[in-house]
Amino acid sequence: MGKNLILHKEFGVNPTIPICSFCGEDKNEVVLLGNAYKEEAPMHMQIDNEPCDACKKKLEGNEWKFFIGDCGHQGFVKVKALQELFTEEGLKDLGDHKTFRMEKCFQCMGMV
């Protein structure tokens, strides 16, 4: 690894449980932040943009896509639902992308 963990003077290893940036659930990990986090680390925090194992599975297959709404909402949607909602041209724009951005998300459109 090459890097040493520098312990926090007051909080020692300063542990936290990372949360998934996609679903917001806890990852099955504990991160030792030490002095890399200047304060006491919260019990749960987002430390990176890596998906949890469950979200990785959804992103690997062709059954789900992840949307990010300009409104702040985000989540997974089944490709089958997208096929029912969008025209072929709209789906062509998505291509093989696993994630896409929406100006107005499903929740804002009253579909959830």
PDB file of N, CA and C in Angstrom:
ATOM      1  N   MET A   1       0.817  -1.184   0.000  1.00  0.00           N
ATOM      2  CA  MET A   1       0.000   0.000   0.000  1.00  0.00           C
ATOM      3  C   MET A   1       0.868   1.257   0.000  1.00  0.00           C
ATOM      4  N   GLY A   2       1.887   1.293   0.826  1.00  0.00           N
ATOM      5  CA  GLY A   2       2.826   2.392   0.771  1.00  0.00           C
ATOM      6  C   GLY A   2       2.482   3.585   1.646  1.00  0.00           C
ATOM      7  N   LYS A   3       1.224   3.763   2.067  1.00  0.00           N
ATOM      8  CA  LYS A   3       0.874   4.908   2.901  1.00  0.00           C
ATOM      9  C   LYS A   3       0.609   4.427   4.320  1.00  0.00           C
ATOM     10  N   ASN A   4       1.090   5.197   5.262  1.00  0.00           N
ATOM     11  CA  ASN A   4       0.848   4.880   6.667  1.00  0.00           C
ATOM     12  C   ASN A   4      -0.353   5.656   7.164  1.00  0.00           C
ATOM     13  N   LEU A   5      -1.125   5.040   8.028  1.00  0.00           N
ATOM     14  CA  LEU A   5      -2.253   5.711   8.637  1.00  0.00           C
ATOM     15  C   LEU A   5      -1.728   6.541   9.794  1.00  0.00           C
ATOM     16  N   ILE A   6      -1.956   7.832   9.727  1.00  0.00           N
ATOM     17  CA  ILE A   6      -1.533   8.709  10.816  1.00  0.00           C
ATOM     18  C   ILE A   6      -2.729   8.872  11.731  1.00  0.00           C
ATOM     19  N   LEU A   7      -2.585   8.409  12.963  1.00  0.00           N
ATOM     20  CA  LEU A   7      -3.687   8.439  13.907  1.00  0.00           C
ATOM     21  C   LEU A   7      -4.058   9.867  14.290  1.00  0.00           C
ATOM     22  N   HIS A   8      -5.345  10.056  14.506  1.00  0.00           N
ATOM     23  CA  HIS A   8      -5.839  11.345  14.974  1.00  0.00           C
ATOM     24  C   HIS A   8      -5.433  11.495  16.440  1.00  0.00           C
ATOM     25  N   LYS A   9      -4.957  12.651  16.819  1.00  0.00           N
ATOM     26  CA  LYS A   9      -4.461  12.858  18.192  1.00  0.00           C
ATOM     27  C   LYS A   9      -5.546  12.614  19.228  1.00  0.00           C
ATOM     28  N   GLU A  10      -6.786  12.944  18.906  1.00  0.00           N
ATOM     29  CA  GLU A  10      -7.876  12.792  19.869  1.00  0.00           C
ATOM     30  C   GLU A  10      -8.739  11.559  19.608  1.00  0.00           C
ATOM     31  N   PHE A  11      -8.936  11.194  18.337  1.00  0.00           N
ATOM     32  CA  PHE A  11      -9.894  10.137  17.994  1.00  0.00           C
ATOM     33  C   PHE A  11      -9.248   8.849  17.494  1.00  0.00           C
ATOM     34  N   GLY A  12      -7.932   8.747  17.542  1.00  0.00           N
ATOM     35  CA  GLY A  12      -7.237   7.510  17.185  1.00  0.00           C
ATOM     36  C   GLY A  12      -7.440   7.100  15.742  1.00  0.00           C
ATOM     37  N   VAL A  13      -7.972   5.888  15.512  1.00  0.00           N
ATOM     38  CA  VAL A  13      -8.167   5.396  14.137  1.00  0.00           C
ATOM     39  C   VAL A  13      -9.324   6.099  13.437  1.00  0.00           C
ATOM     40  N   ASN A  14     -10.192   6.760  14.203  1.00  0.00           N
ATOM     41  CA  ASN A  14     -11.273   7.590  13.669  1.00  0.00           C
ATOM     42  C   ASN A  14     -12.107   6.837  12.620  1.00  0.00           C
ATOM     43  N   PRO A  15     -12.808   5.766  13.031  1.00  0.00           N
ATOM     44  CA  PRO A  15     -13.532   4.927  12.063  1.00  0.00           C
ATOM     45  C   PRO A  15     -14.849   5.527  11.590  1.00  0.00           C
ATOM     46  N   THR A  16     -15.276   5.111  10.412  1.00  0.00           N
ATOM     47  CA  THR A  16     -16.596   5.451   9.883  1.00  0.00           C
ATOM     48  C   THR A  16     -17.078   4.308   8.992  1.00  0.00           C
ATOM     49  N   ILE A  17     -18.374   4.225   8.811  1.00  0.00           N
ATOM     50  CA  ILE A  17     -18.964   3.244   7.899  1.00  0.00           C
ATOM     51  C   ILE A  17     -19.346   4.009   6.635  1.00  0.00           C
ATOM     52  N   PRO A  18     -18.739   3.677   5.498  1.00  0.00           N
ATOM     53  CA  PRO A  18     -19.070   4.399   4.264  1.00  0.00           C
ATOM     54  C   PRO A  18     -20.475   4.050   3.772  1.00  0.00           C
ATOM     55  N   ILE A  19     -21.111   5.041   3.148  1.00  0.00           N
ATOM     56  CA  ILE A  19     -22.421   4.802   2.551  1.00  0.00           C
ATOM     57  C   ILE A  19     -22.294   4.862   1.034  1.00  0.00           C
ATOM     58  N   CYS A  20     -23.145   4.115   0.364  1.00  0.00           N
ATOM     59  CA  CYS A  20     -23.146   4.040  -1.093  1.00  0.00           C
ATOM     60  C   CYS A  20     -23.665   5.353  -1.673  1.00  0.00           C
ATOM     61  N   SER A  21     -22.951   5.890  -2.639  1.00  0.00           N
ATOM     62  CA  SER A  21     -23.374   7.151  -3.255  1.00  0.00           C
ATOM     63  C   SER A  21     -24.567   6.951  -4.183  1.00  0.00           C
ATOM     64  N   PHE A  22     -24.907   5.695  -4.493  1.00  0.00           N
ATOM     65  CA  PHE A  22     -26.034   5.420  -5.375  1.00  0.00           C
ATOM     66  C   PHE A  22     -27.322   5.212  -4.596  1.00  0.00           C
ATOM     67  N   CYS A  23     -27.332   4.284  -3.635  1.00  0.00           N
ATOM     68  CA  CYS A  23     -28.568   3.953  -2.916  1.00  0.00           C
ATOM     69  C   CYS A  23     -28.643   4.560  -1.519  1.00  0.00           C
ATOM     70  N   GLY A  24     -27.522   5.044  -1.006  1.00  0.00           N
ATOM     71  CA  GLY A  24     -27.518   5.670   0.317  1.00  0.00           C
ATOM     72  C   GLY A  24     -27.447   4.686   1.468  1.00  0.00           C
ATOM     73  N   GLU A  25     -27.348   3.400   1.177  1.00  0.00           N
ATOM     74  CA  GLU A  25     -27.265   2.387   2.217  1.00  0.00           C
ATOM     75  C   GLU A  25     -25.819   2.208   2.676  1.00  0.00           C
ATOM     76  N   ASP A  26     -25.645   1.625   3.873  1.00  0.00           N
ATOM     77  CA  ASP A  26     -24.305   1.335   4.374  1.00  0.00           C
ATOM     78  C   ASP A  26     -23.620   0.306   3.493  1.00  0.00           C
ATOM     79  N   LYS A  27     -22.329   0.517   3.272  1.00  0.00           N
ATOM     80  CA  LYS A  27     -21.530  -0.507   2.616  1.00  0.00           C
ATOM     81  C   LYS A  27     -21.076  -1.468   3.705  1.00  0.00           C
ATOM     82  N   ASN A  28     -20.691  -2.634   3.344  1.00  0.00           N
ATOM     83  CA  ASN A  28     -20.253  -3.636   4.306  1.00  0.00           C
ATOM     84  C   ASN A  28     -18.759  -3.431   4.589  1.00  0.00           C
ATOM     85  N   GLU A  29     -18.398  -2.231   5.059  1.00  0.00           N
ATOM     86  CA  GLU A  29     -17.001  -1.869   5.274  1.00  0.00           C
ATOM     87  C   GLU A  29     -16.867  -0.971   6.497  1.00  0.00           C
ATOM     88  N   VAL A  30     -15.670  -0.861   6.997  1.00  0.00           N
ATOM     89  CA  VAL A  30     -15.315   0.141   7.993  1.00  0.00           C
ATOM     90  C   VAL A  30     -14.049   0.806   7.481  1.00  0.00           C
ATOM     91  N   VAL A  31     -14.041   2.124   7.472  1.00  0.00           N
ATOM     92  CA  VAL A  31     -12.881   2.873   6.998  1.00  0.00           C
ATOM     93  C   VAL A  31     -12.227   3.554   8.194  1.00  0.00           C
ATOM     94  N   LEU A  32     -10.915   3.410   8.303  1.00  0.00           N
ATOM     95  CA  LEU A  32     -10.153   4.035   9.364  1.00  0.00           C
ATOM     96  C   LEU A  32      -9.510   5.303   8.813  1.00  0.00           C
ATOM     97  N   LEU A  33     -10.071   6.447   9.166  1.00  0.00           N
ATOM     98  CA  LEU A  33      -9.637   7.710   8.589  1.00  0.00           C
ATOM     99  C   LEU A  33      -8.429   8.322   9.292  1.00  0.00           C
ATOM    100  N   GLY A  34      -8.269   7.997  10.567  1.00  0.00           N
ATOM    101  CA  GLY A  34      -7.151   8.573  11.310  1.00  0.00           C
ATOM    102  C   GLY A  34      -7.156  10.083  11.212  1.00  0.00           C
ATOM    103  N   ASN A  35      -6.007  10.665  10.951  1.00  0.00           N
ATOM    104  CA  ASN A  35      -5.859  12.111  10.882  1.00  0.00           C
ATOM    105  C   ASN A  35      -6.274  12.675   9.520  1.00  0.00           C
ATOM    106  N   ALA A  36      -6.661  11.820   8.577  1.00  0.00           N
ATOM    107  CA  ALA A  36      -7.094  12.296   7.266  1.00  0.00           C
ATOM    108  C   ALA A  36      -8.395  13.090   7.379  1.00  0.00           C
ATOM    109  N   TYR A  37      -9.152  12.847   8.432  1.00  0.00           N
ATOM    110  CA  TYR A  37     -10.380  13.595   8.713  1.00  0.00           C
ATOM    111  C   TYR A  37     -10.093  14.410   9.965  1.00  0.00           C
ATOM    112  N   LYS A  38     -10.122  15.708   9.859  1.00  0.00           N
ATOM    113  CA  LYS A  38      -9.635  16.590  10.923  1.00  0.00           C
ATOM    114  C   LYS A  38     -10.491  16.579  12.189  1.00  0.00           C
ATOM    115  N   GLU A  39     -11.760  16.203  12.070  1.00  0.00           N
ATOM    116  CA  GLU A  39     -12.657  16.168  13.224  1.00  0.00           C
ATOM    117  C   GLU A  39     -12.968  14.710  13.561  1.00  0.00           C
ATOM    118  N   GLU A  40     -13.853  14.517  14.522  1.00  0.00           N
ATOM    119  CA  GLU A  40     -14.324  13.158  14.794  1.00  0.00           C
ATOM    120  C   GLU A  40     -15.189  12.732  13.612  1.00  0.00           C
ATOM    121  N   ALA A  41     -14.875  11.605  13.021  1.00  0.00           N
ATOM    122  CA  ALA A  41     -15.629  11.122  11.864  1.00  0.00           C
ATOM    123  C   ALA A  41     -17.042  10.738  12.286  1.00  0.00           C
ATOM    124  N   PRO A  42     -18.047  11.082  11.474  1.00  0.00           N
ATOM    125  CA  PRO A  42     -19.406  10.637  11.786  1.00  0.00           C
ATOM    126  C   PRO A  42     -19.493   9.119  11.642  1.00  0.00           C
ATOM    127  N   MET A  43     -20.513   8.534  12.253  1.00  0.00           N
ATOM    128  CA  MET A  43     -20.652   7.081  12.199  1.00  0.00           C
ATOM    129  C   MET A  43     -20.809   6.593  10.758  1.00  0.00           C
ATOM    130  N   HIS A  44     -21.518   7.361   9.926  1.00  0.00           N
ATOM    131  CA  HIS A  44     -21.752   7.009   8.524  1.00  0.00           C
ATOM    132  C   HIS A  44     -21.420   8.225   7.672  1.00  0.00           C
ATOM    133  N   MET A  45     -20.717   8.009   6.559  1.00  0.00           N
ATOM    134  CA  MET A  45     -20.443   9.117   5.645  1.00  0.00           C
ATOM    135  C   MET A  45     -20.091   8.597   4.263  1.00  0.00           C
ATOM    136  N   GLN A  46     -20.347   9.433   3.265  1.00  0.00           N
ATOM    137  CA  GLN A  46     -19.965   9.086   1.900  1.00  0.00           C
ATOM    138  C   GLN A  46     -18.510   9.481   1.723  1.00  0.00           C
ATOM    139  N   ILE A  47     -17.677   8.517   1.366  1.00  0.00           N
ATOM    140  CA  ILE A  47     -16.250   8.816   1.227  1.00  0.00           C
ATOM    141  C   ILE A  47     -15.774   8.726  -0.219  1.00  0.00           C
ATOM    142  N   ASP A  48     -16.573   8.095  -1.096  1.00  0.00           N
ATOM    143  CA  ASP A  48     -16.188   7.979  -2.500  1.00  0.00           C
ATOM    144  C   ASP A  48     -17.445   7.781  -3.341  1.00  0.00           C
ATOM    145  N   ASN A  49     -17.276   7.646  -4.623  1.00  0.00           N
ATOM    146  CA  ASN A  49     -18.410   7.441  -5.532  1.00  0.00           C
ATOM    147  C   ASN A  49     -18.548   5.988  -5.974  1.00  0.00           C
ATOM    148  N   GLU A  50     -17.889   5.082  -5.282  1.00  0.00           N
ATOM    149  CA  GLU A  50     -17.977   3.665  -5.617  1.00  0.00           C
ATOM    150  C   GLU A  50     -19.309   3.087  -5.133  1.00  0.00           C
ATOM    151  N   PRO A  51     -20.006   2.356  -5.995  1.00  0.00           N
ATOM    152  CA  PRO A  51     -21.267   1.744  -5.566  1.00  0.00           C
ATOM    153  C   PRO A  51     -21.035   0.568  -4.618  1.00  0.00           C
ATOM    154  N   CYS A  52     -22.053   0.273  -3.806  1.00  0.00           N
ATOM    155  CA  CYS A  52     -21.997  -0.910  -2.939  1.00  0.00           C
ATOM    156  C   CYS A  52     -22.138  -2.154  -3.813  1.00  0.00           C
ATOM    157  N   ASP A  53     -21.998  -3.323  -3.215  1.00  0.00           N
ATOM    158  CA  ASP A  53     -22.065  -4.572  -3.977  1.00  0.00           C
ATOM    159  C   ASP A  53     -23.417  -4.746  -4.673  1.00  0.00           C
ATOM    160  N   ALA A  54     -24.515  -4.386  -3.987  1.00  0.00           N
ATOM    161  CA  ALA A  54     -25.849  -4.538  -4.578  1.00  0.00           C
ATOM    162  C   ALA A  54     -26.012  -3.617  -5.789  1.00  0.00           C
ATOM    163  N   CYS A  55     -25.519  -2.383  -5.686  1.00  0.00           N
ATOM    164  CA  CYS A  55     -25.621  -1.443  -6.804  1.00  0.00           C
ATOM    165  C   CYS A  55     -24.688  -1.845  -7.941  1.00  0.00           C
ATOM    166  N   LYS A  56     -23.526  -2.403  -7.617  1.00  0.00           N
ATOM    167  CA  LYS A  56     -22.612  -2.889  -8.658  1.00  0.00           C
ATOM    168  C   LYS A  56     -23.295  -3.956  -9.503  1.00  0.00           C
ATOM    169  N   LYS A  57     -24.042  -4.853  -8.826  1.00  0.00           N
ATOM    170  CA  LYS A  57     -24.754  -5.911  -9.547  1.00  0.00           C
ATOM    171  C   LYS A  57     -25.765  -5.320 -10.523  1.00  0.00           C
ATOM    172  N   LYS A  58     -26.502  -4.301 -10.053  1.00  0.00           N
ATOM    173  CA  LYS A  58     -27.492  -3.671 -10.928  1.00  0.00           C
ATOM    174  C   LYS A  58     -26.822  -2.978 -12.103  1.00  0.00           C
ATOM    175  N   LEU A  59     -25.685  -2.340 -11.844  1.00  0.00           N
ATOM    176  CA  LEU A  59     -24.986  -1.614 -12.907  1.00  0.00           C
ATOM    177  C   LEU A  59     -24.306  -2.546 -13.899  1.00  0.00           C
ATOM    178  N   GLU A  60     -23.930  -3.745 -13.463  1.00  0.00           N
ATOM    179  CA  GLU A  60     -23.260  -4.707 -14.348  1.00  0.00           C
ATOM    180  C   GLU A  60     -24.213  -5.295 -15.373  1.00  0.00           C
ATOM    181  N   GLY A  61     -25.429  -5.560 -14.968  1.00  0.00           N
ATOM    182  CA  GLY A  61     -26.395  -6.171 -15.875  1.00  0.00           C
ATOM    183  C   GLY A  61     -26.987  -5.145 -16.823  1.00  0.00           C
ATOM    184  N   ASN A  62     -27.873  -5.590 -17.667  1.00  0.00           N
ATOM    185  CA  ASN A  62     -28.542  -4.701 -18.620  1.00  0.00           C
ATOM    186  C   ASN A  62     -29.982  -4.437 -18.223  1.00  0.00           C
ATOM    187  N   GLU A  63     -30.347  -4.818 -16.997  1.00  0.00           N
ATOM    188  CA  GLU A  63     -31.733  -4.711 -16.570  1.00  0.00           C
ATOM    189  C   GLU A  63     -32.047  -3.364 -15.916  1.00  0.00           C
ATOM    190  N   TRP A  64     -31.035  -2.686 -15.368  1.00  0.00           N
ATOM    191  CA  TRP A  64     -31.232  -1.443 -14.621  1.00  0.00           C
ATOM    192  C   TRP A  64     -30.361  -0.322 -15.169  1.00  0.00           C
ATOM    193  N   LYS A  65     -30.841   0.907 -15.038  1.00  0.00           N
ATOM    194  CA  LYS A  65     -30.041   2.113 -15.296  1.00  0.00           C
ATOM    195  C   LYS A  65     -30.214   3.034 -14.096  1.00  0.00           C
ATOM    196  N   PHE A  66     -29.197   3.838 -13.844  1.00  0.00           N
ATOM    197  CA  PHE A  66     -29.219   4.774 -12.719  1.00  0.00           C
ATOM    198  C   PHE A  66     -29.480   6.163 -13.265  1.00  0.00           C
ATOM    199  N   PHE A  67     -30.476   6.868 -12.691  1.00  0.00           N
ATOM    200  CA  PHE A  67     -30.758   8.224 -13.150  1.00  0.00           C
ATOM    201  C   PHE A  67     -30.393   9.234 -12.075  1.00  0.00           C
ATOM    202  N   ILE A  68     -30.011  10.406 -12.540  1.00  0.00           N
ATOM    203  CA  ILE A  68     -29.729  11.534 -11.659  1.00  0.00           C
ATOM    204  C   ILE A  68     -30.605  12.676 -12.165  1.00  0.00           C
ATOM    205  N   GLY A  69     -31.485  13.160 -11.295  1.00  0.00           N
ATOM    206  CA  GLY A  69     -32.350  14.267 -11.680  1.00  0.00           C
ATOM    207  C   GLY A  69     -31.706  15.600 -11.341  1.00  0.00           C
ATOM    208  N   ASP A  70     -31.895  16.585 -12.187  1.00  0.00           N
ATOM    209  CA  ASP A  70     -31.380  17.923 -11.885  1.00  0.00           C
ATOM    210  C   ASP A  70     -32.029  18.481 -10.620  1.00  0.00           C
ATOM    211  N   CYS A  71     -33.136  17.867 -10.221  1.00  0.00           N
ATOM    212  CA  CYS A  71     -33.871  18.277  -9.025  1.00  0.00           C
ATOM    213  C   CYS A  71     -33.216  17.761  -7.741  1.00  0.00           C
ATOM    214  N   GLY A  72     -32.240  16.854  -7.877  1.00  0.00           N
ATOM    215  CA  GLY A  72     -31.580  16.302  -6.695  1.00  0.00           C
ATOM    216  C   GLY A  72     -31.956  14.856  -6.412  1.00  0.00           C
ATOM    217  N   HIS A  73     -33.042  14.377  -7.009  1.00  0.00           N
ATOM    218  CA  HIS A  73     -33.440  12.983  -6.819  1.00  0.00           C
ATOM    219  C   HIS A  73     -32.560  12.076  -7.671  1.00  0.00           C
ATOM    220  N   GLN A  74     -32.399  10.850  -7.224  1.00  0.00           N
ATOM    221  CA  GLN A  74     -31.647   9.864  -7.998  1.00  0.00           C
ATOM    222  C   GLN A  74     -32.096   8.469  -7.612  1.00  0.00           C
ATOM    223  N   GLY A  75     -31.791   7.492  -8.466  1.00  0.00           N
ATOM    224  CA  GLY A  75     -32.164   6.123  -8.161  1.00  0.00           C
ATOM    225  C   GLY A  75     -32.055   5.222  -9.378  1.00  0.00           C
ATOM    226  N   PHE A  76     -32.454   3.977  -9.194  1.00  0.00           N
ATOM    227  CA  PHE A  76     -32.413   2.999 -10.273  1.00  0.00           C
ATOM    228  C   PHE A  76     -33.786   2.874 -10.914  1.00  0.00           C
ATOM    229  N   VAL A  77     -33.791   2.598 -12.200  1.00  0.00           N
ATOM    230  CA  VAL A  77     -35.025   2.348 -12.929  1.00  0.00           C
ATOM    231  C   VAL A  77     -34.767   1.180 -13.880  1.00  0.00           C
ATOM    232  N   LYS A  78     -35.774   0.324 -14.020  1.00  0.00           N
ATOM    233  CA  LYS A  78     -35.624  -0.824 -14.922  1.00  0.00           C
ATOM    234  C   LYS A  78     -35.684  -0.354 -16.373  1.00  0.00           C
ATOM    235  N   VAL A  79     -34.862  -0.973 -17.204  1.00  0.00           N
ATOM    236  CA  VAL A  79     -34.826  -0.648 -18.632  1.00  0.00           C
ATOM    237  C   VAL A  79     -36.198  -0.891 -19.253  1.00  0.00           C
ATOM    238  N   LYS A  80     -36.880  -1.922 -18.791  1.00  0.00           N
ATOM    239  CA  LYS A  80     -38.218  -2.241 -19.309  1.00  0.00           C
ATOM    240  C   LYS A  80     -39.172  -1.058 -19.099  1.00  0.00           C
ATOM    241  N   ALA A  81     -39.076  -0.405 -17.958  1.00  0.00           N
ATOM    242  CA  ALA A  81     -39.918   0.766 -17.695  1.00  0.00           C
ATOM    243  C   ALA A  81     -39.546   1.916 -18.625  1.00  0.00           C
ATOM    244  N   LEU A  82     -38.256   2.088 -18.875  1.00  0.00           N
ATOM    245  CA  LEU A  82     -37.809   3.144 -19.792  1.00  0.00           C
ATOM    246  C   LEU A  82     -38.348   2.901 -21.196  1.00  0.00           C
ATOM    247  N   GLN A  83     -38.374   1.626 -21.605  1.00  0.00           N
ATOM    248  CA  GLN A  83     -38.875   1.285 -22.940  1.00  0.00           C
ATOM    249  C   GLN A  83     -40.352   1.635 -23.076  1.00  0.00           C
ATOM    250  N   GLU A  84     -41.089   1.547 -21.971  1.00  0.00           N
ATOM    251  CA  GLU A  84     -42.509   1.885 -21.999  1.00  0.00           C
ATOM    252  C   GLU A  84     -42.735   3.392 -21.973  1.00  0.00           C
ATOM    253  N   LEU A  85     -41.802   4.137 -21.357  1.00  0.00           N
ATOM    254  CA  LEU A  85     -41.971   5.576 -21.190  1.00  0.00           C
ATOM    255  C   LEU A  85     -41.420   6.416 -22.334  1.00  0.00           C
ATOM    256  N   PHE A  86     -40.317   5.977 -22.933  1.00  0.00           N
ATOM    257  CA  PHE A  86     -39.635   6.792 -23.925  1.00  0.00           C
ATOM    258  C   PHE A  86     -39.775   6.224 -25.324  1.00  0.00           C
ATOM    259  N   THR A  87     -39.632   7.087 -26.299  1.00  0.00           N
ATOM    260  CA  THR A  87     -39.652   6.662 -27.699  1.00  0.00           C
ATOM    261  C   THR A  87     -38.334   5.950 -28.010  1.00  0.00           C
ATOM    262  N   GLU A  88     -38.308   5.266 -29.132  1.00  0.00           N
ATOM    263  CA  GLU A  88     -37.074   4.586 -29.553  1.00  0.00           C
ATOM    264  C   GLU A  88     -35.931   5.584 -29.688  1.00  0.00           C
ATOM    265  N   GLU A  89     -36.237   6.773 -30.197  1.00  0.00           N
ATOM    266  CA  GLU A  89     -35.216   7.809 -30.379  1.00  0.00           C
ATOM    267  C   GLU A  89     -34.638   8.238 -29.026  1.00  0.00           C
ATOM    268  N   GLY A  90     -35.521   8.386 -28.033  1.00  0.00           N
ATOM    269  CA  GLY A  90     -35.070   8.769 -26.693  1.00  0.00           C
ATOM    270  C   GLY A  90     -34.194   7.705 -26.070  1.00  0.00           C
ATOM    271  N   LEU A  91     -34.536   6.446 -26.309  1.00  0.00           N
ATOM    272  CA  LEU A  91     -33.742   5.348 -25.768  1.00  0.00           C
ATOM    273  C   LEU A  91     -32.401   5.229 -26.485  1.00  0.00           C
ATOM    274  N   LYS A  92     -32.405   5.555 -27.782  1.00  0.00           N
ATOM    275  CA  LYS A  92     -31.162   5.491 -28.552  1.00  0.00           C
ATOM    276  C   LYS A  92     -30.134   6.457 -27.973  1.00  0.00           C
ATOM    277  N   ASP A  93     -30.615   7.617 -27.486  1.00  0.00           N
ATOM    278  CA  ASP A  93     -29.724   8.611 -26.887  1.00  0.00           C
ATOM    279  C   ASP A  93     -29.033   8.071 -25.635  1.00  0.00           C
ATOM    280  N   LEU A  94     -29.721   7.170 -24.921  1.00  0.00           N
ATOM    281  CA  LEU A  94     -29.122   6.572 -23.714  1.00  0.00           C
ATOM    282  C   LEU A  94     -28.010   5.607 -24.080  1.00  0.00           C
ATOM    283  N   GLY A  95     -28.153   4.943 -25.221  1.00  0.00           N
ATOM    284  CA  GLY A  95     -27.128   4.001 -25.674  1.00  0.00           C
ATOM    285  C   GLY A  95     -26.783   2.973 -24.613  1.00  0.00           C
ATOM    286  N   ASP A  96     -25.497   2.709 -24.457  1.00  0.00           N
ATOM    287  CA  ASP A  96     -25.032   1.722 -23.490  1.00  0.00           C
ATOM    288  C   ASP A  96     -24.675   2.345 -22.147  1.00  0.00           C
ATOM    289  N   HIS A  97     -24.968   3.623 -21.980  1.00  0.00           N
ATOM    290  CA  HIS A  97     -24.643   4.282 -20.718  1.00  0.00           C
ATOM    291  C   HIS A  97     -25.397   3.631 -19.563  1.00  0.00           C
ATOM    292  N   LYS A  98     -24.717   3.465 -18.459  1.00  0.00           N
ATOM    293  CA  LYS A  98     -25.341   2.862 -17.281  1.00  0.00           C
ATOM    294  C   LYS A  98     -26.063   3.912 -16.445  1.00  0.00           C
ATOM    295  N   THR A  99     -25.686   5.188 -16.622  1.00  0.00           N
ATOM    296  CA  THR A  99     -26.336   6.272 -15.880  1.00  0.00           C
ATOM    297  C   THR A  99     -26.788   7.339 -16.870  1.00  0.00           C
ATOM    298  N   PHE A 100     -27.799   8.096 -16.474  1.00  0.00           N
ATOM    299  CA  PHE A 100     -28.250   9.195 -17.312  1.00  0.00           C
ATOM    300  C   PHE A 100     -28.831  10.297 -16.441  1.00  0.00           C
ATOM    301  N   ARG A 101     -28.839  11.498 -16.979  1.00  0.00           N
ATOM    302  CA  ARG A 101     -29.330  12.675 -16.263  1.00  0.00           C
ATOM    303  C   ARG A 101     -30.699  13.055 -16.823  1.00  0.00           C
ATOM    304  N   MET A 102     -31.589  13.453 -15.903  1.00  0.00           N
ATOM    305  CA  MET A 102     -32.926  13.888 -16.303  1.00  0.00           C
ATOM    306  C   MET A 102     -33.151  15.306 -15.799  1.00  0.00           C
ATOM    307  N   GLU A 103     -33.790  16.114 -16.615  1.00  0.00           N
ATOM    308  CA  GLU A 103     -34.115  17.461 -16.163  1.00  0.00           C
ATOM    309  C   GLU A 103     -35.182  17.382 -15.074  1.00  0.00           C
ATOM    310  N   LYS A 104     -36.204  16.569 -15.318  1.00  0.00           N
ATOM    311  CA  LYS A 104     -37.281  16.370 -14.355  1.00  0.00           C
ATOM    312  C   LYS A 104     -37.402  14.865 -14.127  1.00  0.00           C
ATOM    313  N   CYS A 105     -37.164  14.419 -12.914  1.00  0.00           N
ATOM    314  CA  CYS A 105     -37.093  12.982 -12.646  1.00  0.00           C
ATOM    315  C   CYS A 105     -38.483  12.360 -12.499  1.00  0.00           C
ATOM    316  N   PHE A 106     -38.504  11.059 -12.348  1.00  0.00           N
ATOM    317  CA  PHE A 106     -39.749  10.307 -12.228  1.00  0.00           C
ATOM    318  C   PHE A 106     -40.579  10.768 -11.021  1.00  0.00           C
ATOM    319  N   GLN A 107     -39.893  11.041  -9.918  1.00  0.00           N
ATOM    320  CA  GLN A 107     -40.593  11.476  -8.712  1.00  0.00           C
ATOM    321  C   GLN A 107     -41.257  12.847  -8.934  1.00  0.00           C
ATOM    322  N   CYS A 108     -40.527  13.749  -9.578  1.00  0.00           N
ATOM    323  CA  CYS A 108     -41.075  15.089  -9.856  1.00  0.00           C
ATOM    324  C   CYS A 108     -42.215  15.039 -10.855  1.00  0.00           C
ATOM    325  N   MET A 109     -42.207  14.032 -11.736  1.00  0.00           N
ATOM    326  CA  MET A 109     -43.279  13.874 -12.724  1.00  0.00           C
ATOM    327  C   MET A 109     -44.474  13.138 -12.125  1.00  0.00           C
ATOM    328  N   GLY A 110     -44.367  12.746 -10.844  1.00  0.00           N
ATOM    329  CA  GLY A 110     -45.479  12.070 -10.171  1.00  0.00           C
ATOM    330  C   GLY A 110     -45.609  10.593 -10.513  1.00  0.00           C
ATOM    331  N   MET A 111     -44.523   9.973 -10.959  1.00  0.00           N
ATOM    332  CA  MET A 111     -44.576   8.570 -11.356  1.00  0.00           C
ATOM    333  C   MET A 111     -44.160   7.628 -10.237  1.00  0.00           C
ATOM    334  N   VAL A 112     -43.729   8.161  -9.121  1.00  0.00           N
ATOM    335  CA  VAL A 112     -43.285   7.313  -8.009  1.00  0.00           C
ATOM    336  C   VAL A 112     -44.163   7.561  -6.811  1.00  0.00           C
TER     337      VAL A 112
END
